[in-house]
C-alpha atoms as a PDB file:
ATOM      1  CA  MET A   1     -59.732 -90.637 121.471  1.00  0.00           C
ATOM      2  CA  ALA A   2     -59.946 -90.791 117.573  1.00  0.00           C
ATOM      3  CA  PRO A   3     -61.879 -88.000 115.848  1.00  0.00           C
ATOM      4  CA  ARG A   4     -65.262 -88.882 114.381  1.00  0.00           C
ATOM      5  CA  ASN A   5     -66.070 -88.453 110.671  1.00  0.00           C
ATOM      6  CA  ASN A   6     -68.448 -85.663 109.792  1.00  0.00           C
ATOM      7  CA  PRO A   7     -71.346 -86.958 107.596  1.00  0.00           C
ATOM      8  CA  ASP A   8     -71.873 -83.499 106.069  1.00  0.00           C
ATOM      9  CA  SER A   9     -68.266 -83.245 104.826  1.00  0.00           C
ATOM     10  CA  ASN A  10     -68.417 -86.729 103.284  1.00  0.00           C
ATOM     11  CA  ARG A  11     -71.626 -85.872 101.479  1.00  0.00           C
ATOM     12  CA  GLN A  12     -70.120 -82.673 100.056  1.00  0.00           C
ATOM     13  CA  GLY A  13     -67.027 -84.498  98.775  1.00  0.00           C
ATOM     14  CA  THR A  14     -69.169 -87.102  97.025  1.00  0.00           C
ATOM     15  CA  SER A  15     -71.322 -84.452  95.365  1.00  0.00           C
ATOM     16  CA  PHE A  16     -68.251 -82.583  94.094  1.00  0.00           C
ATOM     17  CA  ALA A  17     -66.771 -85.768  92.602  1.00  0.00           C
ATOM     18  CA  VAL A  18     -70.076 -86.535  90.831  1.00  0.00           C
ATOM     19  CA  VAL A  19     -70.200 -83.032  89.351  1.00  0.00           C
ATOM     20  CA  VAL A  20     -66.604 -83.208  88.161  1.00  0.00           C
ATOM     21  CA  SER A  21     -67.221 -86.639  86.601  1.00  0.00           C
ATOM     22  CA  ALA A  22     -70.345 -85.397  84.843  1.00  0.00           C
ATOM     23  CA  ILE A  23     -68.471 -82.384  83.459  1.00  0.00           C
ATOM     24  CA  LEU A  24     -65.657 -84.611  82.224  1.00  0.00           C
ATOM     25  CA  HIS A  25     -68.060 -86.974  80.470  1.00  0.00           C
ATOM     26  CA  LEU A  26     -69.914 -84.063  78.894  1.00  0.00           C
ATOM     27  CA  GLY A  27     -66.580 -82.686  77.625  1.00  0.00           C
ATOM     28  CA  ILE A  28     -65.655 -86.071  76.076  1.00  0.00           C
ATOM     29  CA  VAL A  29     -69.088 -86.357  74.446  1.00  0.00           C
ATOM     30  CA  GLY A  30     -68.829 -82.771  73.146  1.00  0.00           C
ATOM     31  CA  PHE A  31     -65.344 -83.390  71.751  1.00  0.00           C
ATOM     32  CA  LEU A  32     -66.549 -86.541  69.955  1.00  0.00           C
ATOM     33  CA  PHE A  33     -69.511 -84.598  68.557  1.00  0.00           C
ATOM     34  CA  LEU A  34     -67.250 -81.818  67.299  1.00  0.00           C
ATOM     35  CA  ALA A  35     -64.982 -84.426  65.730  1.00  0.00           C
ATOM     36  CA  THR A  36     -67.881 -85.723  63.645  1.00  0.00           C
ATOM     37  CA  VAL A  37     -68.908 -82.275  62.416  1.00  0.00           C
ATOM     38  CA  SER A  38     -67.444 -81.273  59.020  1.00  0.00           C
ATOM     39  CA  CYS A  39     -65.234 -78.264  58.550  1.00  0.00           C
ATOM     40  CA  THR A  40     -67.910 -76.658  56.373  1.00  0.00           C
ATOM     41  CA  THR A  41     -70.369 -76.680  59.337  1.00  0.00           C
ATOM     42  CA  PHE A  42     -67.780 -74.912  61.494  1.00  0.00           C
ATOM     43  CA  GLU A  43     -67.325 -72.268  58.844  1.00  0.00           C
ATOM     44  CA  ASN A  44     -71.096 -71.773  58.533  1.00  0.00           C
ATOM     45  CA  VAL A  45     -71.513 -71.449  62.318  1.00  0.00           C
ATOM     46  CA  PHE A  46     -68.655 -68.908  62.565  1.00  0.00           C
ATOM     47  CA  ALA A  47     -70.140 -66.985  59.659  1.00  0.00           C
ATOM     48  CA  ALA A  48     -73.670 -66.959  61.262  1.00  0.00           C
ATOM     49  CA  LEU A  49     -72.259 -65.767  64.613  1.00  0.00           C
ATOM     50  CA  HIS A  50     -70.084 -63.144  62.813  1.00  0.00           C
ATOM     51  CA  LEU A  51     -66.992 -64.472  64.520  1.00  0.00           C
ATOM     52  CA  PRO A  52     -63.516 -63.856  63.032  1.00  0.00           C
ATOM     53  CA  ASP A  53     -62.075 -66.706  60.928  1.00  0.00           C
ATOM     54  CA  GLY A  54     -58.918 -66.838  63.052  1.00  0.00           C
ATOM     55  CA  TRP A  55     -60.939 -68.332  65.963  1.00  0.00           C
ATOM     56  CA  ASN A  56     -61.930 -71.352  63.850  1.00  0.00           C
ATOM     57  CA  PRO A  57     -59.644 -74.242  64.911  1.00  0.00           C
ATOM     58  CA  ILE A  58     -60.478 -76.248  61.799  1.00  0.00           C
ATOM     59  CA  THR A  59     -59.658 -74.864  58.341  1.00  0.00           C
ATOM     60  CA  CYS A  60     -61.109 -76.500  55.231  1.00  0.00           C
ATOM     61  CA  ALA A  61     -58.861 -77.065  52.242  1.00  0.00           C
ATOM     62  CA  LYS A  62     -59.736 -74.588  49.546  1.00  0.00           C
ATOM     63  CA  PRO A  63     -59.935 -75.830  45.968  1.00  0.00           C
ATOM     64  CA  LEU A  64     -57.126 -74.717  43.672  1.00  0.00           C
ATOM     65  CA  GLU A  65     -58.242 -71.624  41.740  1.00  0.00           C
ATOM     66  CA  LEU A  66     -56.158 -70.493  38.789  1.00  0.00           C
ATOM     67  CA  PRO A  67     -56.506 -67.106  37.107  1.00  0.00           C
ATOM     68  CA  GLY A  68     -58.069 -66.966  33.662  1.00  0.00           C
ATOM     69  CA  GLU A  69     -61.177 -68.214  31.927  1.00  0.00           C
ATOM     70  CA  PRO A  70     -62.720 -71.504  33.020  1.00  0.00           C
ATOM     71  CA  ILE A  71     -61.707 -74.604  31.105  1.00  0.00           C
ATOM     72  CA  GLU A  72     -64.292 -77.109  30.043  1.00  0.00           C
ATOM     73  CA  ALA A  73     -63.009 -80.687  29.959  1.00  0.00           C
ATOM     74  CA  VAL A  74     -64.451 -84.176  29.796  1.00  0.00           C
ATOM     75  CA  LEU A  75     -62.967 -86.507  32.375  1.00  0.00           C
ATOM     76  CA  ILE A  76     -61.916 -89.917  31.056  1.00  0.00           C
ATOM     77  CA  GLY A  77     -61.073 -92.963  33.038  1.00  0.00           C
ATOM     78  CA  PRO A  78     -61.639 -93.705  36.708  1.00  0.00           C
ATOM     79  CA  THR A  79     -61.960 -89.980  37.552  1.00  0.00           C
ATOM     80  CA  GLY A  80     -64.788 -89.384  35.044  1.00  0.00           C
ATOM     81  CA  ALA A  81     -68.467 -89.714  35.896  1.00  0.00           C
ATOM     82  CA  PRO A  82     -70.037 -93.024  34.866  1.00  0.00           C
ATOM     83  CA  PRO A  83     -72.072 -92.864  31.672  1.00  0.00           C
ATOM     84  CA  PRO A  84     -75.905 -92.891  32.048  1.00  0.00           C
ATOM     85  CA  LYS A  85     -77.572 -96.260  31.840  1.00  0.00           C
ATOM     86  CA  ALA A  86     -79.420 -97.029  28.619  1.00  0.00           C
ATOM     87  CA  PRO A  87     -83.188 -97.305  28.990  1.00  0.00           C
ATOM     88  CA  LYS A  88     -84.621-100.806  28.895  1.00  0.00           C
ATOM     89  CA  VAL A  89     -86.209-101.598  25.511  1.00  0.00           C
ATOM     90  CA  LYS A  90     -88.080-104.723  24.671  1.00  0.00           C
ATOM     91  CA  PRO A  91     -86.423-106.720  21.915  1.00  0.00           C
ATOM     92  CA  VAL A  92     -88.161-106.664  18.544  1.00  0.00           C
ATOM     93  CA  PRO A  93     -88.218-109.938  16.628  1.00  0.00           C
ATOM     94  CA  ASP A  94     -86.228-109.870  13.418  1.00  0.00           C
ATOM     95  CA  SER A  95     -88.567-110.439  10.503  1.00  0.00           C
ATOM     96  CA  VAL A  96     -85.938-110.033   7.732  1.00  0.00           C
ATOM     97  CA  PRO A  97     -84.746-113.386   6.414  1.00  0.00           C
ATOM     98  CA  PRO A  98     -80.976-113.937   6.544  1.00  0.00           C
ATOM     99  CA  PRO A  99     -79.067-113.517   3.308  1.00  0.00           C
ATOM    100  CA  PRO A 100     -78.339-116.690   1.370  1.00  0.00           C
ATOM    101  CA  SER A 101     -74.999-118.245   2.086  1.00  0.00           C
ATOM    102  CA  VAL A 102     -72.493-117.926  -0.744  1.00  0.00           C
ATOM    103  CA  PRO A 103     -69.870-120.615  -1.037  1.00  0.00           C
ATOM    104  CA  PRO A 104     -66.235-119.334  -1.002  1.00  0.00           C
ATOM    105  CA  PRO A 105     -64.481-119.238  -4.384  1.00  0.00           C
ATOM    106  CA  PRO A 106     -62.244-122.186  -5.104  1.00  0.00           C
ATOM    107  CA  THR A 107     -58.521-121.717  -4.482  1.00  0.00           C
ATOM    108  CA  PRO A 108     -56.680-121.512  -7.802  1.00  0.00           C
ATOM    109  CA  THR A 109     -53.990-124.088  -8.184  1.00  0.00           C
ATOM    110  CA  PRO A 110     -50.591-122.721  -9.273  1.00  0.00           C
ATOM    111  CA  PRO A 111     -49.537-123.778 -12.756  1.00  0.00           C
ATOM    112  CA  LYS A 112     -46.885-126.440 -12.884  1.00  0.00           C
ATOM    113  CA  PRO A 113     -43.579-125.267 -14.398  1.00  0.00           C
ATOM    114  CA  THR A 114     -42.969-126.750 -17.731  1.00  0.00           C
ATOM    115  CA  THR A 115     -39.526-128.401 -18.001  1.00  0.00           C
ATOM    116  CA  GLU A 116     -38.014-128.779 -21.355  1.00  0.00           C
ATOM    117  CA  PRO A 117     -36.108-131.987 -21.813  1.00  0.00           C
ATOM    118  CA  LEU A 118     -32.357-131.653 -22.223  1.00  0.00           C
ATOM    119  CA  PRO A 119     -30.998-132.492 -25.629  1.00  0.00           C
ATOM    120  CA  PRO A 120     -29.472-135.900 -25.811  1.00  0.00           C
ATOM    121  CA  PRO A 121     -25.682-136.018 -25.657  1.00  0.00           C
ATOM    122  CA  PRO A 122     -23.978-136.344 -28.997  1.00  0.00           C
ATOM    123  CA  GLU A 123     -23.224-139.879 -30.019  1.00  0.00           C
ATOM    124  CA  HIS A 124     -19.759-138.935 -31.207  1.00  0.00           C
ATOM    125  CA  PRO A 125     -18.350-135.970 -29.078  1.00  0.00           C
ATOM    126  CA  ASP A 126     -15.777-133.717 -30.695  1.00  0.00           C
ATOM    127  CA  ILE A 127     -12.418-134.681 -29.114  1.00  0.00           C
ATOM    128  CA  ARG A 128     -10.663-131.738 -30.737  1.00  0.00           C
ATOM    129  CA  ASP A 129     -12.682-129.220 -28.666  1.00  0.00           C
ATOM    130  CA  GLN A 130     -11.725-131.011 -25.427  1.00  0.00           C
ATOM    131  CA  GLU A 131      -8.087-131.063 -26.417  1.00  0.00           C
ATOM    132  CA  ARG A 132      -8.220-127.361 -27.207  1.00  0.00           C
ATOM    133  CA  VAL A 133      -9.734-126.604 -23.775  1.00  0.00           C
ATOM    134  CA  VAL A 134      -6.990-128.632 -22.070  1.00  0.00           C
ATOM    135  CA  GLN A 135      -4.309-126.923 -24.103  1.00  0.00           C
ATOM    136  CA  ASP A 136      -5.724-123.495 -23.293  1.00  0.00           C
ATOM    137  CA  ALA A 137      -5.769-124.305 -19.569  1.00  0.00           C
ATOM    138  CA  ALA A 138      -2.198-125.595 -19.727  1.00  0.00           C
ATOM    139  CA  GLN A 139      -1.092-122.486 -21.624  1.00  0.00           C
ATOM    140  CA  LYS A 140      -2.737-120.203 -19.049  1.00  0.00           C
ATOM    141  CA  ALA A 141      -1.020-122.059 -16.201  1.00  0.00           C
ATOM    142  CA  GLU A 142       2.305-121.805 -17.985  1.00  0.00           C
ATOM    143  CA  ASP A 143       1.834-118.079 -18.582  1.00  0.00           C
ATOM    144  CA  ALA A 144       0.917-117.510 -14.911  1.00  0.00           C
ATOM    145  CA  LYS A 145       3.969-119.479 -13.784  1.00  0.00           C
ATOM    146  CA  ARG A 146       6.247-117.542 -16.151  1.00  0.00           C
ATOM    147  CA  GLU A 147       4.768-114.248 -14.925  1.00  0.00           C
ATOM    148  CA  GLN A 148       5.288-115.254 -11.287  1.00  0.00           C
ATOM    149  CA  GLU A 149       8.910-116.218 -12.017  1.00  0.00           C
ATOM    150  CA  GLU A 150       9.470-112.912 -13.784  1.00  0.00           C
ATOM    151  CA  LYS A 151       8.107-110.999 -10.782  1.00  0.00           C
ATOM    152  CA  GLN A 152      10.310-113.019  -8.417  1.00  0.00           C
ATOM    153  CA  ARG A 153      13.361-112.366 -10.626  1.00  0.00           C
ATOM    154  CA  GLN A 154      12.600-108.636 -10.724  1.00  0.00           C
ATOM    155  CA  ARG A 155      12.129-108.536  -6.921  1.00  0.00           C
ATOM    156  CA  GLN A 156      15.452-110.311  -6.388  1.00  0.00           C
ATOM    157  CA  ALA A 157      17.167-107.925  -8.813  1.00  0.00           C
ATOM    158  CA  ASP A 158      15.782-104.954  -6.839  1.00  0.00           C
ATOM    159  CA  LEU A 159      17.042-106.477  -3.572  1.00  0.00           C
ATOM    160  CA  ASP A 160      20.472-107.088  -5.045  1.00  0.00           C
ATOM    161  CA  ALA A 161      20.646-103.522  -6.374  1.00  0.00           C
ATOM    162  CA  GLN A 162      19.653-102.145  -2.979  1.00  0.00           C
ATOM    163  CA  ALA A 163      22.242-104.327  -1.197  1.00  0.00           C
ATOM    164  CA  ALA A 164      24.951-103.198  -3.674  1.00  0.00           C
ATOM    165  CA  LYS A 165      23.989 -99.589  -3.067  1.00  0.00           C
ATOM    166  CA  GLN A 166      24.201-100.029   0.717  1.00  0.00           C
ATOM    167  CA  LYS A 167      27.540-101.798   0.332  1.00  0.00           C
ATOM    168  CA  ALA A 168      28.901 -98.913  -1.802  1.00  0.00           C
ATOM    169  CA  GLU A 169      27.711 -96.352   0.766  1.00  0.00           C
ATOM    170  CA  GLN A 170      29.270 -98.373   3.594  1.00  0.00           C
ATOM    171  CA  LYS A 171      32.543 -98.559   1.639  1.00  0.00           C
ATOM    172  CA  LYS A 172      32.511 -94.766   1.224  1.00  0.00           C
ATOM    173  CA  ILE A 173      31.996 -94.371   4.975  1.00  0.00           C
ATOM    174  CA  ASP A 174      34.816 -96.844   5.704  1.00  0.00           C
ATOM    175  CA  ASP A 175      37.148 -95.022   3.331  1.00  0.00           C
ATOM    176  CA  LEU A 176      36.295 -91.723   4.997  1.00  0.00           C
ATOM    177  CA  PHE A 177      37.079 -93.166   8.432  1.00  0.00           C
ATOM    178  CA  GLN A 178      40.342 -94.618   7.120  1.00  0.00           C
ATOM    179  CA  GLN A 179      41.299 -91.195   5.773  1.00  0.00           C
ATOM    180  CA  LEU A 180      40.470 -89.631   9.142  1.00  0.00           C
ATOM    181  CA  ASP A 181      42.546 -92.285  10.950  1.00  0.00           C
ATOM    182  CA  LYS A 182      45.456 -91.684   8.580  1.00  0.00           C
ATOM    183  CA  ALA A 183      45.218 -87.926   9.114  1.00  0.00           C
ATOM    184  CA  SER A 184      45.082 -88.385  12.901  1.00  0.00           C
ATOM    185  CA  ALA A 185      48.051 -90.753  12.810  1.00  0.00           C
ATOM    186  CA  ALA A 186      49.993 -88.302  10.637  1.00  0.00           C
ATOM    187  CA  THR A 187      49.158 -85.479  13.082  1.00  0.00           C
ATOM    188  CA  LYS A 188      50.311 -87.573  16.021  1.00  0.00           C
ATOM    189  CA  ASN A 189      53.480 -88.524  14.173  1.00  0.00           C
ATOM    190  CA  GLN A 190      54.210 -84.895  13.414  1.00  0.00           C
ATOM    191  CA  ASN A 191      53.576 -83.939  17.063  1.00  0.00           C
ATOM    192  CA  THR A 192      55.877 -86.737  18.209  1.00  0.00           C
ATOM    193  CA  LYS A 193      58.588 -85.666  15.795  1.00  0.00           C
ATOM    194  CA  ALA A 194      58.209 -82.076  16.967  1.00  0.00           C
ATOM    195  CA  LYS A 195      58.519 -83.115  20.588  1.00  0.00           C
ATOM    196  CA  GLN A 196      61.526 -85.288  19.760  1.00  0.00           C
ATOM    197  CA  ALA A 197      63.167 -82.383  17.963  1.00  0.00           C
ATOM    198  CA  GLN A 198      62.524 -80.137  20.951  1.00  0.00           C
ATOM    199  CA  GLN A 199      63.911 -82.808  23.248  1.00  0.00           C
ATOM    200  CA  GLN A 200      67.016 -83.176  21.075  1.00  0.00           C
ATOM    201  CA  LEU A 201      67.549 -79.432  21.141  1.00  0.00           C
ATOM    202  CA  ALA A 202      67.190 -79.483  24.924  1.00  0.00           C
ATOM    203  CA  ASP A 203      69.654 -82.384  25.133  1.00  0.00           C
ATOM    204  CA  LEU A 204      72.164 -80.550  22.951  1.00  0.00           C
ATOM    205  CA  LYS A 205      71.787 -77.503  25.141  1.00  0.00           C
ATOM    206  CA  ASN A 206      72.234 -79.536  28.319  1.00  0.00           C
ATOM    207  CA  ALA A 207      75.234 -81.370  26.815  1.00  0.00           C
ATOM    208  CA  SER A 208      77.299 -78.169  26.783  1.00  0.00           C
ATOM    209  CA  ASP A 209      79.777 -77.783  29.595  1.00  0.00           C
ATOM    210  CA  ASN A 210      78.376 -75.486  32.248  1.00  0.00           C
ATOM    211  CA  GLY A 211      81.166 -75.914  34.814  1.00  0.00           C
ATOM    212  CA  LEU A 212      78.955 -77.778  37.279  1.00  0.00           C
ATOM    213  CA  PRO A 213      79.537 -81.250  38.764  1.00  0.00           C
ATOM    214  CA  ASP A 214      78.568 -84.257  36.682  1.00  0.00           C
ATOM    215  CA  VAL A 215      74.938 -84.612  37.686  1.00  0.00           C
ATOM    216  CA  PRO A 216      71.811 -85.104  35.533  1.00  0.00           C
ATOM    217  CA  ASN A 217      70.967 -81.857  33.822  1.00  0.00           C
ATOM    218  CA  ALA A 218      67.679 -79.966  34.118  1.00  0.00           C
ATOM    219  CA  ALA A 219      66.099 -77.055  32.315  1.00  0.00           C
ATOM    220  CA  GLN A 220      67.274 -74.757  35.073  1.00  0.00           C
ATOM    221  CA  ARG A 221      69.653 -74.943  37.990  1.00  0.00           C
ATOM    222  CA  GLN A 222      68.104 -76.584  41.009  1.00  0.00           C
ATOM    223  CA  THR A 223      69.892 -77.348  44.245  1.00  0.00           C
ATOM    224  CA  GLY A 224      67.012 -78.669  46.310  1.00  0.00           C
ATOM    225  CA  ASN A 225      64.878 -75.942  47.813  1.00  0.00           C
ATOM    226  CA  ALA A 226      65.168 -73.050  45.333  1.00  0.00           C
ATOM    227  CA  GLY A 227      68.886 -72.819  45.905  1.00  0.00           C
ATOM    228  CA  LYS A 228      68.632 -72.251  49.635  1.00  0.00           C
ATOM    229  CA  ASP A 229      69.540 -75.817  50.678  1.00  0.00           C
ATOM    230  CA  ASP A 230      72.845 -77.268  49.418  1.00  0.00           C
ATOM    231  CA  SER A 231      72.763 -80.446  51.519  1.00  0.00           C
ATOM    232  CA  LEU A 232      73.324 -83.835  49.931  1.00  0.00           C
ATOM    233  CA  LEU A 233      69.652 -84.752  50.343  1.00  0.00           C
ATOM    234  CA  ALA A 234      68.600 -81.582  48.522  1.00  0.00           C
ATOM    235  CA  GLN A 235      71.034 -82.390  45.728  1.00  0.00           C
ATOM    236  CA  TYR A 236      69.630 -85.931  45.568  1.00  0.00           C
ATOM    237  CA  GLN A 237      66.068 -84.653  45.185  1.00  0.00           C
ATOM    238  CA  ALA A 238      67.207 -82.135  42.561  1.00  0.00           C
ATOM    239  CA  ALA A 239      68.921 -84.911  40.623  1.00  0.00           C
ATOM    240  CA  ILE A 240      65.688 -86.967  40.636  1.00  0.00           C
ATOM    241  CA  GLN A 241      63.734 -83.877  39.513  1.00  0.00           C
ATOM    242  CA  ASN A 242      66.161 -83.342  36.618  1.00  0.00           C
ATOM    243  CA  ALA A 243      66.037 -87.017  35.526  1.00  0.00           C
ATOM    244  CA  VAL A 244      62.228 -87.145  35.573  1.00  0.00           C
ATOM    245  CA  THR A 245      61.861 -83.793  33.774  1.00  0.00           C
ATOM    246  CA  GLN A 246      64.149 -84.907  30.947  1.00  0.00           C
ATOM    247  CA  ASN A 247      61.918 -87.960  30.328  1.00  0.00           C
ATOM    248  CA  TRP A 248      58.585 -86.160  30.687  1.00  0.00           C
ATOM    249  CA  LEU A 249      56.303 -85.474  27.732  1.00  0.00           C
ATOM    250  CA  ARG A 250      54.114 -82.616  28.783  1.00  0.00           C
ATOM    251  CA  PRO A 251      50.418 -82.987  27.810  1.00  0.00           C
ATOM    252  CA  ASP A 252      48.317 -80.065  26.647  1.00  0.00           C
ATOM    253  CA  ASN A 253      46.624 -77.779  29.184  1.00  0.00           C
ATOM    254  CA  MET A 254      49.007 -78.844  31.946  1.00  0.00           C
ATOM    255  CA  PRO A 255      48.888 -76.560  35.034  1.00  0.00           C
ATOM    256  CA  SER A 256      52.168 -75.345  36.505  1.00  0.00           C
ATOM    257  CA  VAL A 257      51.531 -76.652  40.014  1.00  0.00           C
ATOM    258  CA  PRO A 258      53.497 -79.282  41.984  1.00  0.00           C
ATOM    259  CA  CYS A 259      52.377 -82.894  42.294  1.00  0.00           C
ATOM    260  CA  VAL A 260      53.545 -85.451  44.867  1.00  0.00           C
ATOM    261  CA  VAL A 261      54.665 -88.856  43.513  1.00  0.00           C
ATOM    262  CA  HIS A 262      55.252 -91.946  45.700  1.00  0.00           C
ATOM    263  CA  ILE A 263      58.267 -93.879  44.366  1.00  0.00           C
ATOM    264  CA  VAL A 264      59.406 -97.350  45.453  1.00  0.00           C
ATOM    265  CA  GLN A 265      62.961 -98.149  44.208  1.00  0.00           C
ATOM    266  CA  LEU A 266      65.803-100.588  44.712  1.00  0.00           C
ATOM    267  CA  PRO A 267      69.422 -99.758  45.535  1.00  0.00           C
ATOM    268  CA  GLY A 268      70.957 -98.717  42.244  1.00  0.00           C
ATOM    269  CA  GLY A 269      67.962 -96.592  41.182  1.00  0.00           C
ATOM    270  CA  ASP A 270      65.671 -99.262  39.602  1.00  0.00           C
ATOM    271  CA  VAL A 271      62.034 -98.147  40.062  1.00  0.00           C
ATOM    272  CA  MET A 272      59.572-100.761  41.321  1.00  0.00           C
ATOM    273  CA  SER A 273      56.492 -98.522  41.199  1.00  0.00           C
ATOM    274  CA  ALA A 274      55.502 -94.864  40.739  1.00  0.00           C
ATOM    275  CA  LYS A 275      52.097 -93.593  41.863  1.00  0.00           C
ATOM    276  CA  VAL A 276      50.892 -90.003  42.063  1.00  0.00           C
ATOM    277  CA  ASP A 277      49.252 -88.885  45.289  1.00  0.00           C
ATOM    278  CA  SER A 278      45.453 -88.484  45.426  1.00  0.00           C
ATOM    279  CA  SER A 279      45.959 -84.766  46.113  1.00  0.00           C
ATOM    280  CA  CYS A 280      47.604 -84.267  42.720  1.00  0.00           C
ATOM    281  CA  PRO A 281      45.648 -81.545  40.849  1.00  0.00           C
ATOM    282  CA  TYR A 282      46.400 -82.984  37.371  1.00  0.00           C
ATOM    283  CA  ASP A 283      43.849 -84.785  35.208  1.00  0.00           C
ATOM    284  CA  GLU A 284      44.254 -88.453  34.293  1.00  0.00           C
ATOM    285  CA  PRO A 285      46.519 -87.872  31.238  1.00  0.00           C
ATOM    286  CA  GLY A 286      48.718 -85.547  33.347  1.00  0.00           C
ATOM    287  CA  LYS A 287      49.004 -88.083  36.169  1.00  0.00           C
ATOM    288  CA  ARG A 288      49.908 -90.903  33.735  1.00  0.00           C
ATOM    289  CA  SER A 289      52.556 -88.701  32.080  1.00  0.00           C
ATOM    290  CA  ILE A 290      54.335 -88.137  35.445  1.00  0.00           C
ATOM    291  CA  GLU A 291      54.295 -91.853  36.327  1.00  0.00           C
ATOM    292  CA  ASN A 292      55.585 -92.797  32.865  1.00  0.00           C
ATOM    293  CA  ALA A 293      58.337 -90.146  33.128  1.00  0.00           C
ATOM    294  CA  VAL A 294      59.529 -91.693  36.428  1.00  0.00           C
ATOM    295  CA  LEU A 295      59.597 -95.175  34.858  1.00  0.00           C
ATOM    296  CA  ARG A 296      61.479 -93.944  31.786  1.00  0.00           C
ATOM    297  CA  ALA A 297      64.030 -92.081  33.978  1.00  0.00           C
ATOM    298  CA  GLN A 298      65.204 -95.263  35.738  1.00  0.00           C
ATOM    299  CA  PRO A 299      67.704 -96.015  36.994  1.00  0.00           C
ATOM    300  CA  LEU A 300      67.326 -92.917  39.125  1.00  0.00           C
ATOM    301  CA  PRO A 301      70.430 -91.130  40.423  1.00  0.00           C
ATOM    302  CA  TYR A 302      72.190 -93.354  42.982  1.00  0.00           C
ATOM    303  CA  LYS A 303      75.971 -93.084  42.719  1.00  0.00           C
ATOM    304  CA  GLY A 304      77.251 -90.539  45.214  1.00  0.00           C
ATOM    305  CA  PHE A 305      73.904 -90.434  47.057  1.00  0.00           C
ATOM    306  CA  GLU A 306      74.145 -93.817  48.852  1.00  0.00           C
ATOM    307  CA  SER A 307      74.053 -92.196  52.270  1.00  0.00           C
ATOM    308  CA  VAL A 308      70.795 -90.393  51.602  1.00  0.00           C
ATOM    309  CA  PHE A 309      69.185 -93.154  49.483  1.00  0.00           C
ATOM    310  CA  GLN A 310      65.601 -94.013  50.459  1.00  0.00           C
ATOM    311  CA  ARG A 311      63.731 -97.103  49.272  1.00  0.00           C
ATOM    312  CA  GLN A 312      60.397 -95.260  49.505  1.00  0.00           C
ATOM    313  CA  ILE A 313      60.560 -91.621  48.643  1.00  0.00           C
ATOM    314  CA  ASP A 314      57.838 -88.973  48.288  1.00  0.00           C
ATOM    315  CA  PHE A 315      58.990 -86.962  45.314  1.00  0.00           C
ATOM    316  CA  THR A 316      57.426 -83.538  44.648  1.00  0.00           C
ATOM    317  CA  PHE A 317      57.349 -82.987  40.896  1.00  0.00           C
ATOM    318  CA  ARG A 318      57.297 -79.362  39.722  1.00  0.00           C
ATOM    319  CA  PRO A 319      56.636 -78.797  36.026  1.00  0.00           C
END
C-alpha cells in the first residue's frame, strides 16, 4: 500500500520556498540599488558610521594633487567653460547719415617709350672699311693656324726627343746585357779549357805503362768489387766504369754517392740508350752528365768480354 502525502509537510516546503525566493529578490533589488549609488555616498555613509575605510568595497578616484602653490589657469578649447551669454539689448536706430561715397582715383597709364628713329644708311658705304675688316679676320685666322701648327710641331719634337731618349736607354741596356753574355761565355770557355787541360793531364798520366793488361784506364785501379772479385764479369763492369769516368764532366756540388744507370747496347759496345734510375740521388744536371758520359764512352768495352756481354745492363756509377 503506497504511503500518503502529509499536507503539513507540503505546506512547510512551499512556505520555505516562498521565503527563499523573497530573500533572493530582495538581494537582487538591494544590489541594483547599491549599483546606482555613487562612490561618494558610500564614503559619506562609512564616515557617518565611523567604519574603517578598508571595509568600503568601492573606492573613489582621488584627484591628482601636486605639491606646491596652486596654479591659476584659464582653460581654452573644448575643456574650458562656455562664455556667458550677452544680455539682450534692443537695437538702436542709426541716426548718423552714411559718409559720401568717394570715387576711386583713376589708374595712371604708363608712359609710352619713346623710340628714336635709326639713322638712314649711308648712300655710299665705305668699301675700304669692309675690306679692312675682312683682311683683319683673315689675318687672325692665319695667325691662329700658324700658332696651332707651331704647337703641333713642338709637340712632335718633344715626342721624338722622348723616343730617342728611350731608344738610347734601351741601347745601353742591350749593350750591358751583351757585355754580360760575353763575360759569361768567356767564363764558360775558360772553365771548359781548364777541364780539358785537366782531362789531358789525366790522359797523359793514364797513358804511362803501369804493367797491367790493355784495358781502359781509370783514375784508380778497380777490379770489380773493390778488388775482391777478379772474375771476368767484375773486370767487364770495371772496364765500363773506367770508360764512363774518362768521358764524364763532373758538375759542381756533385755528391760522392753511387747512381744506377740502365744501359741498352748492341754487340760491339754501341749504346742505344742510357737512363739513370729514379733512385739516383743526383740533381738534374748530375743525372744528365752521367747519361752523356755513357753516350760519349761508346763503343763500350766488348772485345774479350763476349762471354759476359749483356744487352741490357744495370751499371752502378761511382764518382
